[in-house]
């Protein structure tokens, strides 16, 4: 049987790293979205304040299986 997936975009943030930002986005999304299968990093960026990196931001595409 074929499976169908829906793809959405998420943005995660972290004060520590891009990896933490991605994990944060997935963790929060998993509270309401089930059967997530994969993610793809689309974009990485950050915020600078007073010459220091203060936030890491990451945009992800996330796919989850459509279930009837």
N, C-alpha and C. Protein backbone atom coordinates (compact mmCIF):
# COMPACT_ATOMS: atom_id res chain seq x y z
N UNK A 1 0.84 -1.17 0.00
CA UNK A 1 0.00 0.00 0.00
C UNK A 1 0.89 1.25 0.00
N UNK A 2 0.57 2.19 -0.85
CA UNK A 2 1.32 3.45 -0.93
C UNK A 2 1.00 4.32 0.27
N UNK A 3 1.95 5.14 0.64
CA UNK A 3 1.75 6.08 1.74
C UNK A 3 1.84 7.49 1.21
N UNK A 4 1.12 8.39 1.84
CA UNK A 4 1.13 9.80 1.44
C UNK A 4 1.58 10.64 2.62
N UNK A 5 2.41 11.64 2.33
CA UNK A 5 2.95 12.52 3.37
C UNK A 5 2.57 13.97 3.07
N UNK A 6 2.40 14.74 4.12
CA UNK A 6 2.20 16.18 4.00
C UNK A 6 3.49 16.84 4.47
N UNK A 7 3.89 17.91 3.80
CA UNK A 7 5.11 18.64 4.15
C UNK A 7 4.73 20.03 4.63
N UNK A 8 5.28 20.41 5.79
CA UNK A 8 5.05 21.75 6.35
C UNK A 8 6.40 22.39 6.65
N UNK A 9 6.39 23.69 6.91
CA UNK A 9 7.61 24.38 7.31
C UNK A 9 7.49 24.80 8.77
N UNK A 10 8.60 24.67 9.47
CA UNK A 10 8.70 25.08 10.86
C UNK A 10 9.92 25.97 11.03
N UNK A 11 9.88 26.86 12.00
CA UNK A 11 11.05 27.65 12.38
C UNK A 11 11.31 27.40 13.85
N UNK A 12 12.54 26.98 14.16
CA UNK A 12 12.94 26.76 15.55
C UNK A 12 14.01 27.75 15.94
N UNK A 13 14.07 28.07 17.23
CA UNK A 13 15.09 28.99 17.73
C UNK A 13 15.77 28.41 18.96
N UNK A 14 16.99 28.87 19.19
CA UNK A 14 17.74 28.42 20.36
C UNK A 14 18.81 29.46 20.67
N UNK A 15 19.16 29.57 21.91
CA UNK A 15 20.27 30.43 22.31
C UNK A 15 21.59 29.67 22.26
N UNK A 16 21.55 28.32 22.09
CA UNK A 16 22.76 27.51 22.11
C UNK A 16 23.33 27.15 20.74
N UNK A 17 22.47 26.62 19.81
CA UNK A 17 23.00 26.10 18.55
C UNK A 17 21.89 25.87 17.53
N UNK A 18 22.32 25.65 16.28
CA UNK A 18 21.36 25.29 15.23
C UNK A 18 20.74 23.92 15.54
N UNK A 19 21.54 23.00 16.05
CA UNK A 19 21.02 21.66 16.38
C UNK A 19 19.92 21.75 17.43
N UNK A 20 20.13 22.57 18.44
CA UNK A 20 19.10 22.76 19.47
C UNK A 20 17.86 23.43 18.89
N UNK A 21 18.04 24.35 17.95
CA UNK A 21 16.91 25.01 17.32
C UNK A 21 16.07 24.01 16.53
N UNK A 22 16.73 23.11 15.80
CA UNK A 22 16.01 22.08 15.04
C UNK A 22 15.28 21.13 15.99
N UNK A 23 15.97 20.69 17.03
CA UNK A 23 15.35 19.78 17.99
C UNK A 23 14.16 20.43 18.68
N UNK A 24 14.27 21.71 18.98
CA UNK A 24 13.17 22.43 19.62
C UNK A 24 11.94 22.48 18.71
N UNK A 25 12.15 22.76 17.44
CA UNK A 25 11.03 22.81 16.49
C UNK A 25 10.35 21.46 16.38
N UNK A 26 11.13 20.39 16.27
CA UNK A 26 10.57 19.04 16.14
C UNK A 26 9.84 18.64 17.42
N UNK A 27 10.44 18.92 18.57
CA UNK A 27 9.83 18.56 19.85
C UNK A 27 8.48 19.25 20.03
N UNK A 28 8.43 20.54 19.74
CA UNK A 28 7.17 21.28 19.89
C UNK A 28 6.13 20.78 18.90
N UNK A 29 6.53 20.57 17.65
CA UNK A 29 5.58 20.11 16.63
C UNK A 29 5.03 18.73 16.97
N UNK A 30 5.86 17.88 17.58
CA UNK A 30 5.42 16.52 17.89
C UNK A 30 4.31 16.48 18.94
N UNK A 31 4.08 17.58 19.62
CA UNK A 31 2.98 17.63 20.60
C UNK A 31 1.62 17.63 19.92
N UNK A 32 1.56 18.09 18.66
CA UNK A 32 0.28 18.13 17.95
C UNK A 32 0.32 17.41 16.60
N UNK A 33 1.50 17.14 16.08
CA UNK A 33 1.64 16.46 14.79
C UNK A 33 2.25 15.09 15.03
N UNK A 34 1.59 14.06 14.54
CA UNK A 34 2.04 12.69 14.79
C UNK A 34 2.56 12.07 13.49
N UNK A 35 3.32 11.00 13.63
CA UNK A 35 3.86 10.26 12.50
C UNK A 35 4.80 11.08 11.64
N UNK A 36 5.59 11.99 12.27
CA UNK A 36 6.61 12.71 11.51
C UNK A 36 7.66 11.71 11.03
N UNK A 37 8.10 11.89 9.79
CA UNK A 37 8.99 10.91 9.18
C UNK A 37 10.39 11.45 8.90
N UNK A 38 10.49 12.68 8.47
CA UNK A 38 11.80 13.25 8.13
C UNK A 38 11.74 14.76 8.18
N UNK A 39 12.93 15.38 8.19
CA UNK A 39 13.00 16.83 8.07
C UNK A 39 14.16 17.21 7.16
N UNK A 40 14.08 18.40 6.60
CA UNK A 40 15.12 18.93 5.73
C UNK A 40 15.39 20.36 6.15
N UNK A 41 16.66 20.69 6.36
CA UNK A 41 17.03 22.06 6.72
C UNK A 41 16.97 22.92 5.47
N UNK A 42 16.18 23.98 5.52
CA UNK A 42 16.03 24.89 4.39
C UNK A 42 16.94 26.10 4.54
N UNK A 43 17.03 26.60 5.76
CA UNK A 43 17.72 27.87 5.99
C UNK A 43 18.25 27.93 7.41
N UNK A 44 19.42 28.52 7.57
CA UNK A 44 19.97 28.79 8.89
C UNK A 44 20.29 30.27 8.97
N UNK A 45 19.95 30.86 10.08
CA UNK A 45 20.29 32.26 10.30
C UNK A 45 20.37 32.49 11.80
N UNK A 46 20.73 33.69 12.19
CA UNK A 46 20.81 33.99 13.61
C UNK A 46 20.58 35.46 13.86
N UNK A 47 20.58 35.78 15.12
CA UNK A 47 20.37 37.18 15.53
C UNK A 47 21.60 37.63 16.30
N UNK A 48 22.02 38.85 16.00
CA UNK A 48 23.19 39.44 16.64
C UNK A 48 22.74 40.64 17.46
N UNK A 49 23.27 40.75 18.67
CA UNK A 49 22.97 41.88 19.54
C UNK A 49 24.27 42.35 20.16
N UNK A 50 24.59 43.59 19.96
CA UNK A 50 25.80 44.18 20.53
C UNK A 50 27.06 43.39 20.15
N UNK A 51 27.11 42.95 18.90
CA UNK A 51 28.29 42.25 18.40
C UNK A 51 28.41 40.80 18.82
N UNK A 52 27.36 40.24 19.42
CA UNK A 52 27.39 38.85 19.88
C UNK A 52 26.21 38.08 19.30
N UNK A 53 26.44 36.81 18.99
CA UNK A 53 25.35 35.95 18.55
C UNK A 53 24.48 35.64 19.76
N UNK A 54 23.20 35.98 19.65
CA UNK A 54 22.30 35.78 20.80
C UNK A 54 21.20 34.76 20.50
N UNK A 55 21.04 34.38 19.21
CA UNK A 55 20.00 33.41 18.89
C UNK A 55 20.32 32.73 17.57
N UNK A 56 20.09 31.42 17.53
CA UNK A 56 20.20 30.62 16.31
C UNK A 56 18.80 30.32 15.83
N UNK A 57 18.57 30.49 14.52
CA UNK A 57 17.26 30.23 13.94
C UNK A 57 17.43 29.26 12.78
N UNK A 58 16.49 28.35 12.65
CA UNK A 58 16.56 27.36 11.59
C UNK A 58 15.17 27.12 11.01
N UNK A 59 15.09 27.08 9.69
CA UNK A 59 13.81 26.79 9.02
C UNK A 59 13.91 25.36 8.48
N UNK A 60 12.89 24.57 8.76
CA UNK A 60 12.85 23.16 8.37
C UNK A 60 11.61 22.85 7.56
N UNK A 61 11.75 21.91 6.63
CA UNK A 61 10.59 21.25 6.04
C UNK A 61 10.44 19.95 6.80
N UNK A 62 9.23 19.65 7.24
CA UNK A 62 8.97 18.43 8.00
C UNK A 62 7.84 17.68 7.32
N UNK A 63 8.03 16.38 7.15
CA UNK A 63 6.99 15.55 6.52
C UNK A 63 6.37 14.63 7.56
N UNK A 64 5.06 14.47 7.49
CA UNK A 64 4.38 13.52 8.35
C UNK A 64 3.39 12.72 7.52
N UNK A 65 3.20 11.48 7.95
CA UNK A 65 2.34 10.56 7.22
C UNK A 65 0.88 10.91 7.45
N UNK A 66 0.10 10.93 6.37
CA UNK A 66 -1.33 11.14 6.48
C UNK A 66 -1.97 9.80 6.85
N UNK A 67 -2.76 9.83 7.91
CA UNK A 67 -3.39 8.61 8.43
C UNK A 67 -4.90 8.81 8.39
N UNK A 68 -5.59 7.78 7.95
CA UNK A 68 -7.05 7.85 7.93
C UNK A 68 -7.64 7.34 9.20
